[in-house]
Amino acid sequence: MSLSRRALTSVTVVLIMAALGFLVVAQIRAGRSFRTQVQVPTRNVYALATLLRAEREARLALEAQVTDVRTKLEAYERTASEGRSLAEAMGRELETLRIALGLKAMRGPGVVVRVADPKTQSKGSNPVVVSYQDIVAVVNELWAAGAEAIAVNGQRLTATTGLSQVSGTVVVNLQRLTGPFDIVAIGDPATLEGALNIRGGLIDGLRALGLTITITRRDNLTVPAYKGSFTFEHATPVE
């Protein structure tokens, strides 16, 4: 009985030692496996951290470039807008100057003054004909009455236009014109006509000389643009 107990005890001890040995081996293997598995993710974390830092720096650099490009784009758009505004203002000013110089055809209400030689001439006397002074006198009356644009037989009058006489023709803008002379003036028709028809005024005086003069109001007249050139030989702009 004692032998069987001893044998059982020995077998139990052996089994316990074997189990302990198995547990120790399993624990050692598990530790090795754990250490092996931990080392790989650790290296990956370091690599991922480095990549993340590089990506963050690249993103910051790209954001800085985008901000710089956006700032330049806004500056370009602002400059373009200012340039367009300046160009538009200069265009309007140039258009005003062209109008003032008579380089633009104009349209509006006004009057047409026809100045012609007498229909009949007295025998035995010097013939009465329209002279350039008569045209100048009528034009000056129209300017004084507020005319904004004037043409004589299609020739636009400007600040440099001079009238003269060559034989039986009136010279306007170096063009010889023959009568009858139609003076087209744009302005308030009533004012222009009233200024010319003042009793005892210019028109009455010209009619007394025998000239034939008619004044007609018009609601829509066209004065052509000046076709000549501006030449200054002695005058220069003051800086």
C-alpha atoms as a PDB file:
ATOM      1  CA  MET A   1       0.000   0.000   0.000  1.00  0.00           C
ATOM      2  CA  SER A   2       2.811   2.309   0.785  1.00  0.00           C
ATOM      3  CA  LEU A   3       4.437   1.467  -2.531  1.00  0.00           C
ATOM      4  CA  SER A   4       1.404   2.385  -4.528  1.00  0.00           C
ATOM      5  CA  ARG A   5       1.111   5.618  -2.586  1.00  0.00           C
ATOM      6  CA  ARG A   6       4.725   6.448  -3.247  1.00  0.00           C
ATOM      7  CA  ALA A   7       4.316   5.585  -6.894  1.00  0.00           C
ATOM      8  CA  LEU A   8       1.220   7.771  -7.098  1.00  0.00           C
ATOM      9  CA  THR A   9       3.025  10.556  -5.380  1.00  0.00           C
ATOM     10  CA  SER A  10       5.959  10.271  -7.775  1.00  0.00           C
ATOM     11  CA  VAL A  11       3.657  10.304 -10.769  1.00  0.00           C
ATOM     12  CA  THR A  12       1.855  13.350  -9.365  1.00  0.00           C
ATOM     13  CA  VAL A  13       5.110  15.179  -8.802  1.00  0.00           C
ATOM     14  CA  VAL A  14       6.254  14.366 -12.308  1.00  0.00           C
ATOM     15  CA  LEU A  15       2.978  15.599 -13.761  1.00  0.00           C
ATOM     16  CA  ILE A  16       3.138  18.772 -11.702  1.00  0.00           C
ATOM     17  CA  MET A  17       6.742  19.385 -12.786  1.00  0.00           C
ATOM     18  CA  ALA A  18       5.817  18.725 -16.396  1.00  0.00           C
ATOM     19  CA  ALA A  19       2.895  21.121 -16.137  1.00  0.00           C
ATOM     20  CA  LEU A  20       5.095  23.725 -14.549  1.00  0.00           C
ATOM     21  CA  GLY A  21       7.686  23.201 -17.218  1.00  0.00           C
ATOM     22  CA  PHE A  22       5.030  23.547 -19.925  1.00  0.00           C
ATOM     23  CA  LEU A  23       3.754  26.765 -18.349  1.00  0.00           C
ATOM     24  CA  VAL A  24       7.264  28.174 -18.097  1.00  0.00           C
ATOM     25  CA  VAL A  25       8.011  27.315 -21.715  1.00  0.00           C
ATOM     26  CA  ALA A  26       4.680  28.774 -22.811  1.00  0.00           C
ATOM     27  CA  GLN A  27       5.318  31.942 -20.816  1.00  0.00           C
ATOM     28  CA  ILE A  28       8.797  32.318 -22.289  1.00  0.00           C
ATOM     29  CA  ARG A  29       7.475  31.830 -25.811  1.00  0.00           C
ATOM     30  CA  ALA A  30       4.641  34.275 -25.179  1.00  0.00           C
ATOM     31  CA  GLY A  31       7.136  36.842 -23.885  1.00  0.00           C
ATOM     32  CA  ARG A  32       9.288  36.400 -26.926  1.00  0.00           C
ATOM     33  CA  SER A  33       6.265  36.704 -29.193  1.00  0.00           C
ATOM     34  CA  PHE A  34       5.066  39.812 -27.343  1.00  0.00           C
ATOM     35  CA  ARG A  35       8.483  41.416 -27.563  1.00  0.00           C
ATOM     36  CA  THR A  36       8.672  40.599 -31.249  1.00  0.00           C
ATOM     37  CA  GLN A  37       5.215  41.997 -31.916  1.00  0.00           C
ATOM     38  CA  VAL A  38       5.902  45.166 -29.935  1.00  0.00           C
ATOM     39  CA  GLN A  39       9.164  45.966 -31.699  1.00  0.00           C
ATOM     40  CA  VAL A  40       7.563  46.099 -35.167  1.00  0.00           C
ATOM     41  CA  PRO A  41       4.719  48.515 -34.294  1.00  0.00           C
ATOM     42  CA  THR A  42       7.175  50.712 -32.404  1.00  0.00           C
ATOM     43  CA  ARG A  43       9.341  51.078 -35.463  1.00  0.00           C
ATOM     44  CA  ASN A  44       6.211  51.749 -37.542  1.00  0.00           C
ATOM     45  CA  VAL A  45       5.035  54.422 -35.104  1.00  0.00           C
ATOM     46  CA  TYR A  46       8.367  56.212 -35.394  1.00  0.00           C
ATOM     47  CA  ALA A  47       8.210  55.990 -39.169  1.00  0.00           C
ATOM     48  CA  LEU A  48       4.594  57.148 -39.221  1.00  0.00           C
ATOM     49  CA  ALA A  49       5.423  60.039 -36.904  1.00  0.00           C
ATOM     50  CA  THR A  50       8.233  61.096 -39.212  1.00  0.00           C
ATOM     51  CA  LEU A  51       5.961  60.870 -42.252  1.00  0.00           C
ATOM     52  CA  LEU A  52       3.209  62.750 -40.432  1.00  0.00           C
ATOM     53  CA  ARG A  53       5.627  65.519 -39.500  1.00  0.00           C
ATOM     54  CA  ALA A  54       6.846  65.747 -43.096  1.00  0.00           C
ATOM     55  CA  GLU A  55       3.273  65.801 -44.381  1.00  0.00           C
ATOM     56  CA  ARG A  56       2.375  68.528 -41.883  1.00  0.00           C
ATOM     57  CA  GLU A  57       5.335  70.639 -42.983  1.00  0.00           C
ATOM     58  CA  ALA A  58       4.442  70.122 -46.647  1.00  0.00           C
ATOM     59  CA  ARG A  59       0.809  71.070 -45.924  1.00  0.00           C
ATOM     60  CA  LEU A  60       1.916  74.224 -44.111  1.00  0.00           C
ATOM     61  CA  ALA A  61       4.170  75.124 -47.046  1.00  0.00           C
ATOM     62  CA  LEU A  62       1.306  74.586 -49.498  1.00  0.00           C
ATOM     63  CA  GLU A  63      -1.029  76.671 -47.348  1.00  0.00           C
ATOM     64  CA  ALA A  64       1.561  79.466 -47.343  1.00  0.00           C
ATOM     65  CA  GLN A  65       1.837  79.249 -51.140  1.00  0.00           C
ATOM     66  CA  VAL A  66      -1.955  79.319 -51.508  1.00  0.00           C
ATOM     67  CA  THR A  67      -2.159  82.357 -49.229  1.00  0.00           C
ATOM     68  CA  ASP A  68       0.572  84.113 -51.227  1.00  0.00           C
ATOM     69  CA  VAL A  69      -1.120  83.315 -54.549  1.00  0.00           C
ATOM     70  CA  ARG A  70      -4.489  84.477 -53.210  1.00  0.00           C
ATOM     71  CA  THR A  71      -2.931  87.747 -52.020  1.00  0.00           C
ATOM     72  CA  LYS A  72      -1.311  88.321 -55.409  1.00  0.00           C
ATOM     73  CA  LEU A  73      -4.569  87.471 -57.188  1.00  0.00           C
ATOM     74  CA  GLU A  74      -6.467  89.983 -55.056  1.00  0.00           C
ATOM     75  CA  ALA A  75      -3.798  92.598 -55.805  1.00  0.00           C
ATOM     76  CA  TYR A  76      -4.013  91.865 -59.533  1.00  0.00           C
ATOM     77  CA  GLU A  77      -7.812  92.054 -59.469  1.00  0.00           C
ATOM     78  CA  ARG A  78      -7.662  95.326 -57.546  1.00  0.00           C
ATOM     79  CA  THR A  79      -5.104  96.743 -59.983  1.00  0.00           C
ATOM     80  CA  ALA A  80      -7.183  95.602 -62.952  1.00  0.00           C
ATOM     81  CA  SER A  81     -10.302  97.152 -61.436  1.00  0.00           C
ATOM     82  CA  GLU A  82      -8.481 100.422 -60.786  1.00  0.00           C
ATOM     83  CA  GLY A  83      -7.063 100.298 -64.295  1.00  0.00           C
ATOM     84  CA  ARG A  84     -10.525  99.832 -65.766  1.00  0.00           C
ATOM     85  CA  SER A  85     -11.872 102.701 -63.663  1.00  0.00           C
ATOM     86  CA  LEU A  86      -8.996 104.931 -64.749  1.00  0.00           C
ATOM     87  CA  ALA A  87      -9.431 103.915 -68.377  1.00  0.00           C
ATOM     88  CA  GLU A  88     -13.159 104.597 -68.197  1.00  0.00           C
ATOM     89  CA  ALA A  89     -12.582 108.017 -66.605  1.00  0.00           C
ATOM     90  CA  MET A  90      -9.968 108.880 -69.223  1.00  0.00           C
ATOM     91  CA  GLY A  91     -12.318 107.667 -71.944  1.00  0.00           C
ATOM     92  CA  ARG A  92     -15.105 109.920 -70.666  1.00  0.00           C
ATOM     93  CA  GLU A  93     -12.727 112.879 -70.425  1.00  0.00           C
ATOM     94  CA  LEU A  94     -11.421 112.217 -73.929  1.00  0.00           C
ATOM     95  CA  GLU A  95     -14.980 112.042 -75.238  1.00  0.00           C
ATOM     96  CA  THR A  96     -15.757 115.390 -73.594  1.00  0.00           C
ATOM     97  CA  LEU A  97     -12.659 116.939 -75.156  1.00  0.00           C
ATOM     98  CA  ARG A  98     -13.576 115.551 -78.579  1.00  0.00           C
ATOM     99  CA  ILE A  99     -17.021 117.099 -78.258  1.00  0.00           C
ATOM    100  CA  ALA A 100     -15.583 120.436 -77.141  1.00  0.00           C
ATOM    101  CA  LEU A 101     -13.149 120.449 -80.066  1.00  0.00           C
ATOM    102  CA  GLY A 102     -15.910 119.668 -82.537  1.00  0.00           C
ATOM    103  CA  LEU A 103     -14.518 116.255 -83.420  1.00  0.00           C
ATOM    104  CA  LYS A 104     -17.844 114.548 -82.731  1.00  0.00           C
ATOM    105  CA  ALA A 105     -21.017 114.954 -84.763  1.00  0.00           C
ATOM    106  CA  MET A 106     -23.807 116.394 -82.620  1.00  0.00           C
ATOM    107  CA  ARG A 107     -27.577 116.111 -82.784  1.00  0.00           C
ATOM    108  CA  GLY A 108     -30.351 118.107 -81.170  1.00  0.00           C
ATOM    109  CA  PRO A 109     -32.919 120.885 -81.569  1.00  0.00           C
ATOM    110  CA  GLY A 110     -32.003 124.284 -82.911  1.00  0.00           C
ATOM    111  CA  VAL A 111     -32.401 126.622 -85.833  1.00  0.00           C
ATOM    112  CA  VAL A 112     -31.331 126.866 -89.448  1.00  0.00           C
ATOM    113  CA  VAL A 113     -30.478 130.369 -90.628  1.00  0.00           C
ATOM    114  CA  ARG A 114     -30.294 130.761 -94.407  1.00  0.00           C
ATOM    115  CA  VAL A 115     -28.403 133.818 -95.619  1.00  0.00           C
ATOM    116  CA  ALA A 116     -28.650 134.458 -99.361  1.00  0.00           C
ATOM    117  CA  ASP A 117     -28.068 137.181-101.901  1.00  0.00           C
ATOM    118  CA  PRO A 118     -31.053 139.391-102.741  1.00  0.00           C
ATOM    119  CA  LYS A 119     -33.574 137.751-105.026  1.00  0.00           C
ATOM    120  CA  THR A 120     -33.454 140.798-107.271  1.00  0.00           C
ATOM    121  CA  GLN A 121     -30.685 143.350-107.765  1.00  0.00           C
ATOM    122  CA  SER A 122     -31.238 147.050-108.372  1.00  0.00           C
ATOM    123  CA  LYS A 123     -30.106 148.172-111.802  1.00  0.00           C
ATOM    124  CA  GLY A 124     -27.227 150.559-112.036  1.00  0.00           C
ATOM    125  CA  SER A 125     -25.837 149.802-108.572  1.00  0.00           C
ATOM    126  CA  ASN A 126     -23.219 147.514-107.139  1.00  0.00           C
ATOM    127  CA  PRO A 127     -24.690 144.069-106.538  1.00  0.00           C
ATOM    128  CA  VAL A 128     -25.325 143.085-102.930  1.00  0.00           C
ATOM    129  CA  VAL A 129     -23.798 139.730-102.021  1.00  0.00           C
ATOM    130  CA  VAL A 130     -23.267 137.827 -98.805  1.00  0.00           C
ATOM    131  CA  SER A 131     -19.800 138.437 -97.374  1.00  0.00           C
ATOM    132  CA  TYR A 132     -17.895 136.440 -94.794  1.00  0.00           C
ATOM    133  CA  GLN A 133     -18.428 139.310 -92.309  1.00  0.00           C
ATOM    134  CA  ASP A 134     -22.186 138.703 -92.559  1.00  0.00           C
ATOM    135  CA  ILE A 135     -21.696 135.017 -91.785  1.00  0.00           C
ATOM    136  CA  VAL A 136     -19.372 135.827 -88.882  1.00  0.00           C
ATOM    137  CA  ALA A 137     -21.891 138.294 -87.458  1.00  0.00           C
ATOM    138  CA  VAL A 138     -24.717 135.725 -87.527  1.00  0.00           C
ATOM    139  CA  VAL A 139     -22.494 133.026 -86.036  1.00  0.00           C
ATOM    140  CA  ASN A 140     -21.398 135.315 -83.197  1.00  0.00           C
ATOM    141  CA  GLU A 141     -25.027 136.126 -82.388  1.00  0.00           C
ATOM    142  CA  LEU A 142     -25.791 132.416 -82.213  1.00  0.00           C
ATOM    143  CA  TRP A 143     -22.794 131.707 -79.954  1.00  0.00           C
ATOM    144  CA  ALA A 144     -23.826 134.548 -77.672  1.00  0.00           C
ATOM    145  CA  ALA A 145     -27.374 133.149 -77.500  1.00  0.00           C
ATOM    146  CA  GLY A 146     -26.115 129.773 -76.247  1.00  0.00           C
ATOM    147  CA  ALA A 147     -25.572 127.715 -79.371  1.00  0.00           C
ATOM    148  CA  GLU A 148     -23.644 124.540 -78.552  1.00  0.00           C
ATOM    149  CA  ALA A 149     -22.601 123.469 -82.051  1.00  0.00           C
ATOM    150  CA  ILE A 150     -22.620 125.355 -85.357  1.00  0.00           C
ATOM    151  CA  ALA A 151     -21.890 124.438 -88.952  1.00  0.00           C
ATOM    152  CA  VAL A 152     -21.931 126.516 -92.138  1.00  0.00           C
ATOM    153  CA  ASN A 153     -22.856 124.566 -95.259  1.00  0.00           C
ATOM    154  CA  GLY A 154     -21.687 121.381 -93.568  1.00  0.00           C
ATOM    155  CA  GLN A 155     -18.420 122.827 -92.240  1.00  0.00           C
ATOM    156  CA  ARG A 156     -18.163 122.507 -88.458  1.00  0.00           C
ATOM    157  CA  LEU A 157     -16.993 125.645 -86.692  1.00  0.00           C
ATOM    158  CA  THR A 158     -14.343 125.173 -83.999  1.00  0.00           C
ATOM    159  CA  ALA A 159     -12.222 127.423 -81.813  1.00  0.00           C
ATOM    160  CA  THR A 160      -9.599 127.630 -84.575  1.00  0.00           C
ATOM    161  CA  THR A 161     -11.985 128.122 -87.499  1.00  0.00           C
ATOM    162  CA  GLY A 162     -11.392 131.294 -89.445  1.00  0.00           C
ATOM    163  CA  LEU A 163     -13.648 132.750 -92.150  1.00  0.00           C
ATOM    164  CA  SER A 164     -12.427 134.734 -95.092  1.00  0.00           C
ATOM    165  CA  GLN A 165     -13.449 135.811 -98.594  1.00  0.00           C
ATOM    166  CA  VAL A 166     -11.990 134.750-101.916  1.00  0.00           C
ATOM    167  CA  SER A 167     -13.686 136.320-104.930  1.00  0.00           C
ATOM    168  CA  GLY A 168     -17.350 135.367-104.643  1.00  0.00           C
ATOM    169  CA  THR A 169     -16.831 132.537-102.160  1.00  0.00           C
ATOM    170  CA  VAL A 170     -16.635 132.362 -98.376  1.00  0.00           C
ATOM    171  CA  VAL A 171     -13.755 130.269 -97.075  1.00  0.00           C
ATOM    172  CA  VAL A 172     -14.484 128.104 -94.012  1.00  0.00           C
ATOM    173  CA  ASN A 173     -11.933 125.551 -92.784  1.00  0.00           C
ATOM    174  CA  LEU A 174      -9.982 126.194 -95.983  1.00  0.00           C
ATOM    175  CA  GLN A 175     -13.031 125.150 -97.992  1.00  0.00           C
ATOM    176  CA  ARG A 176     -14.609 127.539-100.494  1.00  0.00           C
ATOM    177  CA  LEU A 177     -18.351 127.796 -99.991  1.00  0.00           C
ATOM    178  CA  THR A 178     -20.907 129.435-102.231  1.00  0.00           C
ATOM    179  CA  GLY A 179     -24.331 130.759-101.302  1.00  0.00           C
ATOM    180  CA  PRO A 180     -26.921 130.371-100.183  1.00  0.00           C
ATOM    181  CA  PHE A 181     -25.368 129.769 -96.783  1.00  0.00           C
ATOM    182  CA  ASP A 182     -27.169 127.528 -94.314  1.00  0.00           C
ATOM    183  CA  ILE A 183     -26.019 128.137 -90.755  1.00  0.00           C
ATOM    184  CA  VAL A 184     -27.110 125.204 -88.584  1.00  0.00           C
ATOM    185  CA  ALA A 185     -27.023 125.850 -84.833  1.00  0.00           C
ATOM    186  CA  ILE A 186     -27.940 123.419 -82.058  1.00  0.00           C
ATOM    187  CA  GLY A 187     -29.395 124.938 -78.917  1.00  0.00           C
ATOM    188  CA  ASP A 188     -32.702 126.074 -77.493  1.00  0.00           C
ATOM    189  CA  PRO A 189     -34.691 126.995 -80.631  1.00  0.00           C
ATOM    190  CA  ALA A 190     -36.781 129.714 -78.977  1.00  0.00           C
ATOM    191  CA  THR A 191     -33.744 131.405 -77.420  1.00  0.00           C
ATOM    192  CA  LEU A 192     -31.701 131.293 -80.618  1.00  0.00           C
ATOM    193  CA  GLU A 193     -34.524 132.605 -82.767  1.00  0.00           C
ATOM    194  CA  GLY A 194     -35.413 135.286 -80.236  1.00  0.00           C
ATOM    195  CA  ALA A 195     -31.828 136.546 -80.109  1.00  0.00           C
ATOM    196  CA  LEU A 196     -31.706 136.872 -83.904  1.00  0.00           C
ATOM    197  CA  ASN A 197     -35.102 138.539 -84.231  1.00  0.00           C
ATOM    198  CA  ILE A 198     -34.460 141.375 -81.817  1.00  0.00           C
ATOM    199  CA  ARG A 199     -36.045 144.461 -83.347  1.00  0.00           C
ATOM    200  CA  GLY A 200     -33.382 146.697 -84.789  1.00  0.00           C
ATOM    201  CA  GLY A 201     -30.792 143.994 -84.319  1.00  0.00           C
ATOM    202  CA  LEU A 202     -28.400 142.213 -86.632  1.00  0.00           C
ATOM    203  CA  ILE A 203     -30.937 140.416 -88.822  1.00  0.00           C
ATOM    204  CA  ASP A 204     -32.962 143.581 -89.383  1.00  0.00           C
ATOM    205  CA  GLY A 205     -29.762 145.347 -90.413  1.00  0.00           C
ATOM    206  CA  LEU A 206     -28.799 142.608 -92.890  1.00  0.00           C
ATOM    207  CA  ARG A 207     -32.263 142.567 -94.368  1.00  0.00           C
ATOM    208  CA  ALA A 208     -32.085 146.338 -94.716  1.00  0.00           C
ATOM    209  CA  LEU A 209     -29.023 145.789 -96.901  1.00  0.00           C
ATOM    210  CA  GLY A 210     -31.128 143.601 -99.156  1.00  0.00           C
ATOM    211  CA  LEU A 211     -29.962 140.159 -98.030  1.00  0.00           C
ATOM    212  CA  THR A 212     -32.531 137.391 -97.887  1.00  0.00           C
ATOM    213  CA  ILE A 213     -32.584 135.751 -94.446  1.00  0.00           C
ATOM    214  CA  THR A 214     -34.899 133.045 -93.150  1.00  0.00           C
ATOM    215  CA  ILE A 215     -34.873 131.466 -89.701  1.00  0.00           C
ATOM    216  CA  THR A 216     -36.424 128.029 -89.236  1.00  0.00           C
ATOM    217  CA  ARG A 217     -36.823 126.108 -85.995  1.00  0.00           C
ATOM    218  CA  ARG A 218     -36.054 122.389 -86.076  1.00  0.00           C
ATOM    219  CA  ASP A 219     -36.576 119.676 -83.475  1.00  0.00           C
ATOM    220  CA  ASN A 220     -33.804 117.449 -84.749  1.00  0.00           C
ATOM    221  CA  LEU A 221     -30.699 118.836 -86.394  1.00  0.00           C
ATOM    222  CA  THR A 222     -27.308 117.265 -87.053  1.00  0.00           C
ATOM    223  CA  VAL A 223     -24.033 119.156 -87.017  1.00  0.00           C
ATOM    224  CA  PRO A 224     -21.178 117.130 -88.576  1.00  0.00           C
ATOM    225  CA  ALA A 225     -17.790 116.617 -86.973  1.00  0.00           C
ATOM    226  CA  TYR A 226     -14.800 118.756 -87.857  1.00  0.00           C
ATOM    227  CA  LYS A 227     -12.803 116.970 -90.566  1.00  0.00           C
ATOM    228  CA  GLY A 228      -9.691 119.131 -90.634  1.00  0.00           C
ATOM    229  CA  SER A 229      -6.547 118.999 -88.506  1.00  0.00           C
ATOM    230  CA  PHE A 230      -5.184 121.114 -85.672  1.00  0.00           C
ATOM    231  CA  THR A 231      -1.773 122.604 -86.376  1.00  0.00           C
ATOM    232  CA  PHE A 232       0.103 124.842 -83.943  1.00  0.00           C
ATOM    233  CA  GLU A 233       3.256 126.474 -85.270  1.00  0.00           C
ATOM    234  CA  HIS A 234       3.911 129.037 -82.532  1.00  0.00           C
ATOM    235  CA  ALA A 235       1.746 128.076 -79.553  1.00  0.00           C
ATOM    236  CA  THR A 236       3.029 125.421 -77.133  1.00  0.00           C
ATOM    237  CA  PRO A 237       1.405 124.035 -73.969  1.00  0.00           C
ATOM    238  CA  VAL A 238       2.453 125.571 -70.661  1.00  0.00           C
ATOM    239  CA  GLU A 239       3.922 122.925 -68.346  1.00  0.00           C
END
